[in-house]
Amino acid sequence: MNKTVYILQKFKDSQEFHLFEGKIDDENNICSSKTGKSICGKVKLDANAKCEFVCEDEDHSRYKCYLLEKKVCGTCVSHLYGKFE
C-alpha cells in the first residue's frame, strides 16, 4: 500500500517554498514524488536542492508550512486544507 506524504522544497530563484505530493512504498520503505511537479504545477522537484522536509504526513506538513508563514506557495499549501461543498 502506498501512503500519500508531502515534500517541501525551497527554490533559490524565488525564495519560495513549494509542496510536492509524495508516496511511501511500504514494501521497500522508499519515498518518492508522485509526479515530480509541485502541487501548483509551477516548478519541478530539483534533486540537487535541499528540502525543508521529506515525506511528512498531511498534519505535520500543514504545521510546518504554518511555521514558515507566507514563504510557502499559497496554491500548494491550500491543498493541505479541507474542501467545503
PDB file of N, CA and C in Angstrom:
ATOM      1  N   MET A   1       0.843  -1.188   0.000  1.00  0.00           N
ATOM      2  CA  MET A   1       0.000   0.000   0.000  1.00  0.00           C
ATOM      3  C   MET A   1       0.884   1.245   0.000  1.00  0.00           C
ATOM      4  N   ASN A   2       0.545   2.228  -0.828  1.00  0.00           N
ATOM      5  CA  ASN A   2       1.283   3.482  -0.890  1.00  0.00           C
ATOM      6  C   ASN A   2       0.576   4.540  -0.057  1.00  0.00           C
ATOM      7  N   LYS A   3       1.315   5.200   0.789  1.00  0.00           N
ATOM      8  CA  LYS A   3       0.785   6.237   1.652  1.00  0.00           C
ATOM      9  C   LYS A   3       1.154   7.604   1.071  1.00  0.00           C
ATOM     10  N   THR A   4       0.193   8.530   0.997  1.00  0.00           N
ATOM     11  CA  THR A   4       0.476   9.870   0.493  1.00  0.00           C
ATOM     12  C   THR A   4       1.161  10.698   1.572  1.00  0.00           C
ATOM     13  N   VAL A   5       2.259  11.309   1.192  1.00  0.00           N
ATOM     14  CA  VAL A   5       3.040  12.170   2.071  1.00  0.00           C
ATOM     15  C   VAL A   5       3.410  13.425   1.285  1.00  0.00           C
ATOM     16  N   TYR A   6       4.107  14.350   1.928  1.00  0.00           N
ATOM     17  CA  TYR A   6       4.443  15.605   1.273  1.00  0.00           C
ATOM     18  C   TYR A   6       5.921  15.931   1.409  1.00  0.00           C
ATOM     19  N   ILE A   7       6.424  16.634   0.407  1.00  0.00           N
ATOM     20  CA  ILE A   7       7.813  17.085   0.345  1.00  0.00           C
ATOM     21  C   ILE A   7       7.751  18.606   0.175  1.00  0.00           C
ATOM     22  N   LEU A   8       8.573  19.349   0.924  1.00  0.00           N
ATOM     23  CA  LEU A   8       8.613  20.800   0.814  1.00  0.00           C
ATOM     24  C   LEU A   8      10.018  21.213   0.422  1.00  0.00           C
ATOM     25  N   GLN A   9      10.119  21.945  -0.685  1.00  0.00           N
ATOM     26  CA  GLN A   9      11.418  22.358  -1.190  1.00  0.00           C
ATOM     27  C   GLN A   9      11.431  23.860  -1.435  1.00  0.00           C
ATOM     28  N   LYS A  10      12.559  24.491  -1.088  1.00  0.00           N
ATOM     29  CA  LYS A  10      12.732  25.933  -1.291  1.00  0.00           C
ATOM     30  C   LYS A  10      13.482  26.164  -2.601  1.00  0.00           C
ATOM     31  N   PHE A  11      13.006  27.117  -3.375  1.00  0.00           N
ATOM     32  CA  PHE A  11      13.633  27.421  -4.647  1.00  0.00           C
ATOM     33  C   PHE A  11      14.426  28.718  -4.553  1.00  0.00           C
ATOM     34  N   LYS A  12      15.693  28.646  -4.953  1.00  0.00           N
ATOM     35  CA  LYS A  12      16.629  29.765  -4.807  1.00  0.00           C
ATOM     36  C   LYS A  12      16.171  31.000  -5.568  1.00  0.00           C
ATOM     37  N   ASP A  13      15.681  30.821  -6.781  1.00  0.00           N
ATOM     38  CA  ASP A  13      15.296  31.969  -7.604  1.00  0.00           C
ATOM     39  C   ASP A  13      14.228  32.826  -6.940  1.00  0.00           C
ATOM     40  N   SER A  14      13.194  32.199  -6.443  1.00  0.00           N
ATOM     41  CA  SER A  14      12.060  32.938  -5.887  1.00  0.00           C
ATOM     42  C   SER A  14      12.094  33.021  -4.365  1.00  0.00           C
ATOM     43  N   GLN A  15      12.935  32.209  -3.732  1.00  0.00           N
ATOM     44  CA  GLN A  15      12.984  32.101  -2.260  1.00  0.00           C
ATOM     45  C   GLN A  15      11.644  31.614  -1.698  1.00  0.00           C
ATOM     46  N   GLU A  16      10.854  30.974  -2.544  1.00  0.00           N
ATOM     47  CA  GLU A  16       9.542  30.477  -2.142  1.00  0.00           C
ATOM     48  C   GLU A  16       9.602  28.958  -1.992  1.00  0.00           C
ATOM     49  N   PHE A  17       8.835  28.450  -1.051  1.00  0.00           N
ATOM     50  CA  PHE A  17       8.721  27.009  -0.836  1.00  0.00           C
ATOM     51  C   PHE A  17       7.539  26.468  -1.640  1.00  0.00           C
ATOM     52  N   HIS A  18       7.710  25.270  -2.183  1.00  0.00           N
ATOM     53  CA  HIS A  18       6.624  24.602  -2.905  1.00  0.00           C
ATOM     54  C   HIS A  18       6.471  23.180  -2.380  1.00  0.00           C
ATOM     55  N   LEU A  19       5.220  22.729  -2.343  1.00  0.00           N
ATOM     56  CA  LEU A  19       4.881  21.379  -1.878  1.00  0.00           C
ATOM     57  C   LEU A  19       4.742  20.413  -3.052  1.00  0.00           C
ATOM     58  N   PHE A  20       5.157  19.204  -2.789  1.00  0.00           N
ATOM     59  CA  PHE A  20       5.029  18.121  -3.757  1.00  0.00           C
ATOM     60  C   PHE A  20       4.349  16.955  -3.060  1.00  0.00           C
ATOM     61  N   GLU A  21       3.430  16.302  -3.757  1.00  0.00           N
ATOM     62  CA  GLU A  21       2.845  15.082  -3.216  1.00  0.00           C
ATOM     63  C   GLU A  21       3.851  13.972  -3.415  1.00  0.00           C
ATOM     64  N   GLY A  22       3.990  13.167  -2.391  1.00  0.00           N
ATOM     65  CA  GLY A  22       4.890  12.031  -2.477  1.00  0.00           C
ATOM     66  C   GLY A  22       4.179  10.765  -2.076  1.00  0.00           C
ATOM     67  N   LYS A  23       4.896   9.683  -2.150  1.00  0.00           N
ATOM     68  CA  LYS A  23       4.339   8.399  -1.733  1.00  0.00           C
ATOM     69  C   LYS A  23       5.455   7.584  -1.095  1.00  0.00           C
ATOM     70  N   ILE A  24       5.059   6.765  -0.135  1.00  0.00           N
ATOM     71  CA  ILE A  24       5.990   5.845   0.503  1.00  0.00           C
ATOM     72  C   ILE A  24       5.585   4.441   0.086  1.00  0.00           C
ATOM     73  N   ASP A  25       6.513   3.752  -0.484  1.00  0.00           N
ATOM     74  CA  ASP A  25       6.304   2.354  -0.839  1.00  0.00           C
ATOM     75  C   ASP A  25       6.636   1.540   0.403  1.00  0.00           C
ATOM     76  N   ASP A  26       5.607   1.048   1.095  1.00  0.00           N
ATOM     77  CA  ASP A  26       5.795   0.325   2.355  1.00  0.00           C
ATOM     78  C   ASP A  26       6.658  -0.930   2.195  1.00  0.00           C
ATOM     79  N   GLU A  27       6.552  -1.554   1.061  1.00  0.00           N
ATOM     80  CA  GLU A  27       7.303  -2.785   0.849  1.00  0.00           C
ATOM     81  C   GLU A  27       8.813  -2.526   0.844  1.00  0.00           C
ATOM     82  N   ASN A  28       9.227  -1.448   0.176  1.00  0.00           N
ATOM     83  CA  ASN A  28      10.648  -1.135   0.058  1.00  0.00           C
ATOM     84  C   ASN A  28      11.078   0.027   0.945  1.00  0.00           C
ATOM     85  N   ASN A  29      10.112   0.653   1.647  1.00  0.00           N
ATOM     86  CA  ASN A  29      10.358   1.812   2.505  1.00  0.00           C
ATOM     87  C   ASN A  29      11.075   2.929   1.744  1.00  0.00           C
ATOM     88  N   ILE A  30      10.603   3.195   0.528  1.00  0.00           N
ATOM     89  CA  ILE A  30      11.188   4.228  -0.327  1.00  0.00           C
ATOM     90  C   ILE A  30      10.186   5.356  -0.483  1.00  0.00           C
ATOM     91  N   CYS A  31      10.672   6.583  -0.346  1.00  0.00           N
ATOM     92  CA  CYS A  31       9.833   7.765  -0.518  1.00  0.00           C
ATOM     93  C   CYS A  31      10.177   8.423  -1.845  1.00  0.00           C
ATOM     94  N   SER A  32       9.163   8.812  -2.598  1.00  0.00           N
ATOM     95  CA  SER A  32       9.406   9.479  -3.875  1.00  0.00           C
ATOM     96  C   SER A  32       8.254  10.415  -4.210  1.00  0.00           C
ATOM     97  N   SER A  33       8.510  11.332  -5.123  1.00  0.00           N
ATOM     98  CA  SER A  33       7.479  12.247  -5.597  1.00  0.00           C
ATOM     99  C   SER A  33       6.546  11.486  -6.525  1.00  0.00           C
ATOM    100  N   LYS A  34       5.261  11.819  -6.470  1.00  0.00           N
ATOM    101  CA  LYS A  34       4.297  11.141  -7.350  1.00  0.00           C
ATOM    102  C   LYS A  34       4.483  11.565  -8.801  1.00  0.00           C
ATOM    103  N   THR A  35       4.675  12.877  -9.036  1.00  0.00           N
ATOM    104  CA  THR A  35       4.740  13.365 -10.411  1.00  0.00           C
ATOM    105  C   THR A  35       6.014  14.148 -10.719  1.00  0.00           C
ATOM    106  N   GLY A  36       6.730  14.601  -9.687  1.00  0.00           N
ATOM    107  CA  GLY A  36       7.909  15.440  -9.907  1.00  0.00           C
ATOM    108  C   GLY A  36       7.570  16.907 -10.061  1.00  0.00           C
ATOM    109  N   LYS A  37       6.262  17.218 -10.113  1.00  0.00           N
ATOM    110  CA  LYS A  37       5.811  18.610 -10.229  1.00  0.00           C
ATOM    111  C   LYS A  37       5.169  19.046  -8.924  1.00  0.00           C
ATOM    112  N   SER A  38       5.336  20.340  -8.601  1.00  0.00           N
ATOM    113  CA  SER A  38       4.711  20.875  -7.397  1.00  0.00           C
ATOM    114  C   SER A  38       3.195  20.802  -7.521  1.00  0.00           C
ATOM    115  N   ILE A  39       2.532  20.895  -6.392  1.00  0.00           N
ATOM    116  CA  ILE A  39       1.066  20.839  -6.391  1.00  0.00           C
ATOM    117  C   ILE A  39       0.481  21.952  -7.256  1.00  0.00           C
ATOM    118  N   CYS A  40       1.093  23.124  -7.230  1.00  0.00           N
ATOM    119  CA  CYS A  40       0.603  24.245  -8.045  1.00  0.00           C
ATOM    120  C   CYS A  40       0.949  24.084  -9.523  1.00  0.00           C
ATOM    121  N   GLY A  41       1.890  23.179  -9.831  1.00  0.00           N
ATOM    122  CA  GLY A  41       2.278  22.925 -11.216  1.00  0.00           C
ATOM    123  C   GLY A  41       3.306  23.899 -11.771  1.00  0.00           C
ATOM    124  N   LYS A  42       3.822  24.811 -10.949  1.00  0.00           N
ATOM    125  CA  LYS A  42       4.745  25.845 -11.441  1.00  0.00           C
ATOM    126  C   LYS A  42       6.205  25.406 -11.487  1.00  0.00           C
ATOM    127  N   VAL A  43       6.604  24.455 -10.648  1.00  0.00           N
ATOM    128  CA  VAL A  43       8.011  24.055 -10.589  1.00  0.00           C
ATOM    129  C   VAL A  43       8.155  22.538 -10.524  1.00  0.00           C
ATOM    130  N   LYS A  44       9.341  22.080 -10.880  1.00  0.00           N
ATOM    131  CA  LYS A  44       9.662  20.659 -10.795  1.00  0.00           C
ATOM    132  C   LYS A  44      10.577  20.437  -9.601  1.00  0.00           C
ATOM    133  N   LEU A  45      10.467  19.261  -9.006  1.00  0.00           N
ATOM    134  CA  LEU A  45      11.322  18.885  -7.894  1.00  0.00           C
ATOM    135  C   LEU A  45      12.767  18.856  -8.380  1.00  0.00           C
ATOM    136  N   ASP A  46      13.648  19.525  -7.644  1.00  0.00           N
ATOM    137  CA  ASP A  46      15.063  19.614  -8.003  1.00  0.00           C
ATOM    138  C   ASP A  46      15.847  18.652  -7.116  1.00  0.00           C
ATOM    139  N   ALA A  47      16.388  17.614  -7.709  1.00  0.00           N
ATOM    140  CA  ALA A  47      17.112  16.590  -6.947  1.00  0.00           C
ATOM    141  C   ALA A  47      18.349  17.150  -6.251  1.00  0.00           C
ATOM    142  N   ASN A  48      18.869  18.278  -6.713  1.00  0.00           N
ATOM    143  CA  ASN A  48      20.073  18.854  -6.131  1.00  0.00           C
ATOM    144  C   ASN A  48      19.781  19.897  -5.055  1.00  0.00           C
ATOM    145  N   ALA A  49      18.540  20.289  -4.918  1.00  0.00           N
ATOM    146  CA  ALA A  49      18.172  21.328  -3.951  1.00  0.00           C
ATOM    147  C   ALA A  49      17.805  20.695  -2.612  1.00  0.00           C
ATOM    148  N   LYS A  50      18.015  21.457  -1.549  1.00  0.00           N
ATOM    149  CA  LYS A  50      17.704  20.990  -0.207  1.00  0.00           C
ATOM    150  C   LYS A  50      16.196  21.079   0.032  1.00  0.00           C
ATOM    151  N   CYS A  51      15.670  20.070   0.673  1.00  0.00           N
ATOM    152  CA  CYS A  51      14.258  20.062   1.037  1.00  0.00           C
ATOM    153  C   CYS A  51      14.107  20.477   2.494  1.00  0.00           C
ATOM    154  N   GLU A  52      13.072  21.239   2.779  1.00  0.00           N
ATOM    155  CA  GLU A  52      12.767  21.618   4.164  1.00  0.00           C
ATOM    156  C   GLU A  52      12.299  20.394   4.941  1.00  0.00           C
ATOM    157  N   PHE A  53      11.478  19.579   4.292  1.00  0.00           N
ATOM    158  CA  PHE A  53      11.115  18.280   4.854  1.00  0.00           C
ATOM    159  C   PHE A  53      10.762  17.320   3.731  1.00  0.00           C
ATOM    160  N   VAL A  54      10.863  16.047   4.056  1.00  0.00           N
ATOM    161  CA  VAL A  54      10.596  14.991   3.070  1.00  0.00           C
ATOM    162  C   VAL A  54       9.692  13.944   3.712  1.00  0.00           C
ATOM    163  N   CYS A  55       8.652  13.604   3.010  1.00  0.00           N
ATOM    164  CA  CYS A  55       7.765  12.507   3.383  1.00  0.00           C
ATOM    165  C   CYS A  55       7.081  12.687   4.734  1.00  0.00           C
ATOM    166  N   GLU A  56       6.515  13.867   4.929  1.00  0.00           N
ATOM    167  CA  GLU A  56       5.722  14.145   6.131  1.00  0.00           C
ATOM    168  C   GLU A  56       4.252  13.890   5.809  1.00  0.00           C
ATOM    169  N   ASP A  57       3.505  13.450   6.814  1.00  0.00           N
ATOM    170  CA  ASP A  57       2.071  13.255   6.602  1.00  0.00           C
ATOM    171  C   ASP A  57       1.375  14.625   6.521  1.00  0.00           C
ATOM    172  N   GLU A  58       0.096  14.616   6.219  1.00  0.00           N
ATOM    173  CA  GLU A  58      -0.646  15.853   5.992  1.00  0.00           C
ATOM    174  C   GLU A  58      -0.638  16.777   7.211  1.00  0.00           C
ATOM    175  N   ASP A  59      -0.856  16.231   8.399  1.00  0.00           N
ATOM    176  CA  ASP A  59      -0.901  17.058   9.606  1.00  0.00           C
ATOM    177  C   ASP A  59       0.439  17.725   9.902  1.00  0.00           C
ATOM    178  N   HIS A  60       1.521  16.964   9.832  1.00  0.00           N
ATOM    179  CA  HIS A  60       2.837  17.531  10.081  1.00  0.00           C
ATOM    180  C   HIS A  60       3.212  18.545   8.996  1.00  0.00           C
ATOM    181  N   SER A  61       2.848  18.260   7.767  1.00  0.00           N
ATOM    182  CA  SER A  61       3.129  19.178   6.665  1.00  0.00           C
ATOM    183  C   SER A  61       2.399  20.501   6.868  1.00  0.00           C
ATOM    184  N   ARG A  62       1.137  20.419   7.256  1.00  0.00           N
ATOM    185  CA  ARG A  62       0.337  21.622   7.491  1.00  0.00           C
ATOM    186  C   ARG A  62       0.977  22.475   8.590  1.00  0.00           C
ATOM    187  N   TYR A  63       1.400  21.835   9.684  1.00  0.00           N
ATOM    188  CA  TYR A  63       2.006  22.559  10.804  1.00  0.00           C
ATOM    189  C   TYR A  63       3.337  23.206  10.402  1.00  0.00           C
ATOM    190  N   LYS A  64       4.169  22.465   9.694  1.00  0.00           N
ATOM    191  CA  LYS A  64       5.470  23.010   9.296  1.00  0.00           C
ATOM    192  C   LYS A  64       5.317  24.149   8.287  1.00  0.00           C
ATOM    193  N   CYS A  65       4.337  24.067   7.419  1.00  0.00           N
ATOM    194  CA  CYS A  65       4.070  25.162   6.487  1.00  0.00           C
ATOM    195  C   CYS A  65       3.544  26.385   7.241  1.00  0.00           C
ATOM    196  N   TYR A  66       2.728  26.154   8.247  1.00  0.00           N
ATOM    197  CA  TYR A  66       2.229  27.243   9.091  1.00  0.00           C
ATOM    198  C   TYR A  66       3.391  28.000   9.732  1.00  0.00           C
ATOM    199  N   LEU A  67       4.404  27.272  10.198  1.00  0.00           N
ATOM    200  CA  LEU A  67       5.556  27.908  10.841  1.00  0.00           C
ATOM    201  C   LEU A  67       6.356  28.777   9.866  1.00  0.00           C
ATOM    202  N   LEU A  68       6.317  28.431   8.585  1.00  0.00           N
ATOM    203  CA  LEU A  68       7.042  29.204   7.570  1.00  0.00           C
ATOM    204  C   LEU A  68       6.237  30.402   7.070  1.00  0.00           C
ATOM    205  N   GLU A  69       4.990  30.475   7.449  1.00  0.00           N
ATOM    206  CA  GLU A  69       4.071  31.555   7.107  1.00  0.00           C
ATOM    207  C   GLU A  69       3.978  31.805   5.606  1.00  0.00           C
ATOM    208  N   LYS A  70       4.197  33.022   5.174  1.00  0.00           N
ATOM    209  CA  LYS A  70       3.936  33.411   3.786  1.00  0.00           C
ATOM    210  C   LYS A  70       5.032  33.007   2.805  1.00  0.00           C
ATOM    211  N   LYS A  71       6.014  32.263   3.266  1.00  0.00           N
ATOM    212  CA  LYS A  71       7.093  31.827   2.379  1.00  0.00           C
ATOM    213  C   LYS A  71       6.682  30.626   1.527  1.00  0.00           C
ATOM    214  N   VAL A  72       5.569  29.994   1.884  1.00  0.00           N
ATOM    215  CA  VAL A  72       5.090  28.810   1.167  1.00  0.00           C
ATOM    216  C   VAL A  72       4.062  29.240   0.126  1.00  0.00           C
ATOM    217  N   CYS A  73       4.181  28.693  -1.065  1.00  0.00           N
ATOM    218  CA  CYS A  73       3.235  28.975  -2.145  1.00  0.00           C
ATOM    219  C   CYS A  73       1.802  28.757  -1.656  1.00  0.00           C
ATOM    220  N   GLY A  74       0.958  29.767  -1.810  1.00  0.00           N
ATOM    221  CA  GLY A  74      -0.427  29.703  -1.344  1.00  0.00           C
ATOM    222  C   GLY A  74      -1.238  28.616  -2.016  1.00  0.00           C
ATOM    223  N   THR A  75      -1.010  28.417  -3.292  1.00  0.00           N
ATOM    224  CA  THR A  75      -1.744  27.378  -4.017  1.00  0.00           C
ATOM    225  C   THR A  75      -1.354  25.999  -3.505  1.00  0.00           C
ATOM    226  N   CYS A  76      -0.064  25.791  -3.288  1.00  0.00           N
ATOM    227  CA  CYS A  76       0.405  24.496  -2.775  1.00  0.00           C
ATOM    228  C   CYS A  76      -0.155  24.219  -1.390  1.00  0.00           C
ATOM    229  N   VAL A  77      -0.043  25.181  -0.480  1.00  0.00           N
ATOM    230  CA  VAL A  77      -0.448  24.944   0.903  1.00  0.00           C
ATOM    231  C   VAL A  77      -1.968  24.795   1.039  1.00  0.00           C
ATOM    232  N   SER A  78      -2.719  25.410   0.147  1.00  0.00           N
ATOM    233  CA  SER A  78      -4.178  25.288   0.232  1.00  0.00           C
ATOM    234  C   SER A  78      -4.613  23.837   0.017  1.00  0.00           C
ATOM    235  N   HIS A  79      -3.788  23.059  -0.627  1.00  0.00           N
ATOM    236  CA  HIS A  79      -4.081  21.638  -0.877  1.00  0.00           C
ATOM    237  C   HIS A  79      -4.160  20.848   0.445  1.00  0.00           C
ATOM    238  N   LEU A  80      -3.524  21.353   1.500  1.00  0.00           N
ATOM    239  CA  LEU A  80      -3.495  20.661   2.795  1.00  0.00           C
ATOM    240  C   LEU A  80      -4.741  20.918   3.631  1.00  0.00           C
ATOM    241  N   TYR A  81      -5.625  21.781   3.153  1.00  0.00           N
ATOM    242  CA  TYR A  81      -6.812  22.128   3.914  1.00  0.00           C
ATOM    243  C   TYR A  81      -8.043  21.555   3.271  1.00  0.00           C
ATOM    244  N   GLY A  82      -9.074  21.306   4.059  1.00  0.00           N
ATOM    245  CA  GLY A  82     -10.298  20.673   3.596  1.00  0.00           C
ATOM    246  C   GLY A  82     -11.012  21.450   2.512  1.00  0.00           C
ATOM    247  N   LYS A  83     -11.770  20.722   1.747  1.00  0.00           N
ATOM    248  CA  LYS A  83     -12.581  21.326   0.692  1.00  0.00           C
ATOM    249  C   LYS A  83     -14.036  21.322   1.176  1.00  0.00           C
ATOM    250  N   PHE A  84     -14.656  22.465   1.129  1.00  0.00           N
ATOM    251  CA  PHE A  84     -16.030  22.584   1.585  1.00  0.00           C
ATOM    252  C   PHE A  84     -16.965  22.595   0.396  1.00  0.00           C
ATOM    253  N   GLU A  85     -18.082  21.926   0.563  1.00  0.00           N
ATOM    254  CA  GLU A  85     -19.059  21.862  -0.524  1.00  0.00           C
ATOM    255  C   GLU A  85     -20.271  22.693  -0.201  1.00  0.00           C
TER     256      GLU A  85
END
